[in-house]
Amino acid sequence: MSSTETKAGTATGLALSILGQIEHDVLQTLALAALGATVSFFVSRILQCLFNRKRKQ
């Protein structure tokens, strides 16, 4: 096992143990915020592509 794998495993274990300590409401809020940001990003990209096509025609 390499040093990189050990560091990655340790970091992942630490992150999961911290996530287990965070309250459910905070995790739900973070998940919804991430989902909202992702949807907003993709909708803006789709609209940008649609408007660029109309300008070229």
C-alpha atoms as a PDB file:
ATOM      1  CA  MET A   1       0.000   0.000   0.000  1.00  0.00           C
ATOM      2  CA  SER A   2       1.443   3.328  -0.998  1.00  0.00           C
ATOM      3  CA  SER A   3       1.652   6.484   1.044  1.00  0.00           C
ATOM      4  CA  THR A   4      -0.922   8.167  -1.190  1.00  0.00           C
ATOM      5  CA  GLU A   5      -3.451   5.379  -0.586  1.00  0.00           C
ATOM      6  CA  THR A   6      -2.887   5.619   3.157  1.00  0.00           C
ATOM      7  CA  LYS A   7      -3.406   9.381   3.122  1.00  0.00           C
ATOM      8  CA  ALA A   8      -6.545   9.076   0.987  1.00  0.00           C
ATOM      9  CA  GLY A   9      -7.964   6.381   3.258  1.00  0.00           C
ATOM     10  CA  THR A  10      -7.217   8.419   6.368  1.00  0.00           C
ATOM     11  CA  ALA A  11      -8.772  11.569   4.894  1.00  0.00           C
ATOM     12  CA  THR A  12     -11.884   9.671   3.792  1.00  0.00           C
ATOM     13  CA  GLY A  13     -12.270   8.049   7.205  1.00  0.00           C
ATOM     14  CA  LEU A  14     -11.880  11.400   8.927  1.00  0.00           C
ATOM     15  CA  ALA A  15     -14.446  13.035   6.629  1.00  0.00           C
ATOM     16  CA  LEU A  16     -16.964  10.243   7.209  1.00  0.00           C
ATOM     17  CA  SER A  17     -16.489  10.358  10.961  1.00  0.00           C
ATOM     18  CA  ILE A  18     -17.050  14.132  10.959  1.00  0.00           C
ATOM     19  CA  LEU A  19     -20.161  13.727   8.796  1.00  0.00           C
ATOM     20  CA  GLY A  20     -21.521  11.297  11.370  1.00  0.00           C
ATOM     21  CA  GLN A  21     -21.287  13.996  14.030  1.00  0.00           C
ATOM     22  CA  ILE A  22     -23.104  16.709  12.076  1.00  0.00           C
ATOM     23  CA  GLU A  23     -26.816  17.057  12.708  1.00  0.00           C
ATOM     24  CA  HIS A  24     -29.304  15.758  10.163  1.00  0.00           C
ATOM     25  CA  ASP A  25     -30.759  19.207   9.432  1.00  0.00           C
ATOM     26  CA  VAL A  26     -27.355  20.601   8.502  1.00  0.00           C
ATOM     27  CA  LEU A  27     -26.683  17.714   6.124  1.00  0.00           C
ATOM     28  CA  GLN A  28     -30.100  18.140   4.529  1.00  0.00           C
ATOM     29  CA  THR A  29     -29.476  21.863   4.073  1.00  0.00           C
ATOM     30  CA  LEU A  30     -26.065  21.220   2.506  1.00  0.00           C
ATOM     31  CA  ALA A  31     -27.504  18.598   0.149  1.00  0.00           C
ATOM     32  CA  LEU A  32     -30.334  20.875  -0.963  1.00  0.00           C
ATOM     33  CA  ALA A  33     -27.944  23.787  -1.471  1.00  0.00           C
ATOM     34  CA  ALA A  34     -25.658  21.625  -3.610  1.00  0.00           C
ATOM     35  CA  LEU A  35     -28.608  20.347  -5.625  1.00  0.00           C
ATOM     36  CA  GLY A  36     -29.941  23.876  -6.150  1.00  0.00           C
ATOM     37  CA  ALA A  37     -26.563  25.158  -7.280  1.00  0.00           C
ATOM     38  CA  THR A  38     -26.152  22.256  -9.696  1.00  0.00           C
ATOM     39  CA  VAL A  39     -29.595  22.708 -11.232  1.00  0.00           C
ATOM     40  CA  SER A  40     -29.068  26.464 -11.514  1.00  0.00           C
ATOM     41  CA  PHE A  41     -25.732  25.934 -13.268  1.00  0.00           C
ATOM     42  CA  PHE A  42     -27.132  23.520 -15.830  1.00  0.00           C
ATOM     43  CA  VAL A  43     -30.233  25.608 -16.535  1.00  0.00           C
ATOM     44  CA  SER A  44     -28.090  28.680 -17.128  1.00  0.00           C
ATOM     45  CA  ARG A  45     -25.817  26.725 -19.503  1.00  0.00           C
ATOM     46  CA  ILE A  46     -28.807  25.383 -21.437  1.00  0.00           C
ATOM     47  CA  LEU A  47     -30.326  28.854 -21.747  1.00  0.00           C
ATOM     48  CA  GLN A  48     -26.979  30.270 -22.824  1.00  0.00           C
ATOM     49  CA  CYS A  49     -26.719  27.660 -25.578  1.00  0.00           C
ATOM     50  CA  LEU A  50     -30.278  28.346 -26.739  1.00  0.00           C
ATOM     51  CA  PHE A  51     -29.760  32.100 -26.936  1.00  0.00           C
ATOM     52  CA  ASN A  52     -26.425  31.704 -28.756  1.00  0.00           C
ATOM     53  CA  ARG A  53     -28.108  29.536 -31.412  1.00  0.00           C
ATOM     54  CA  LYS A  54     -30.797  32.139 -32.006  1.00  0.00           C
ATOM     55  CA  ARG A  55     -28.191  34.890 -32.480  1.00  0.00           C
ATOM     56  CA  LYS A  56     -26.285  32.836 -35.080  1.00  0.00           C
ATOM     57  CA  GLN A  57     -29.375  32.232 -37.211  1.00  0.00           C
END
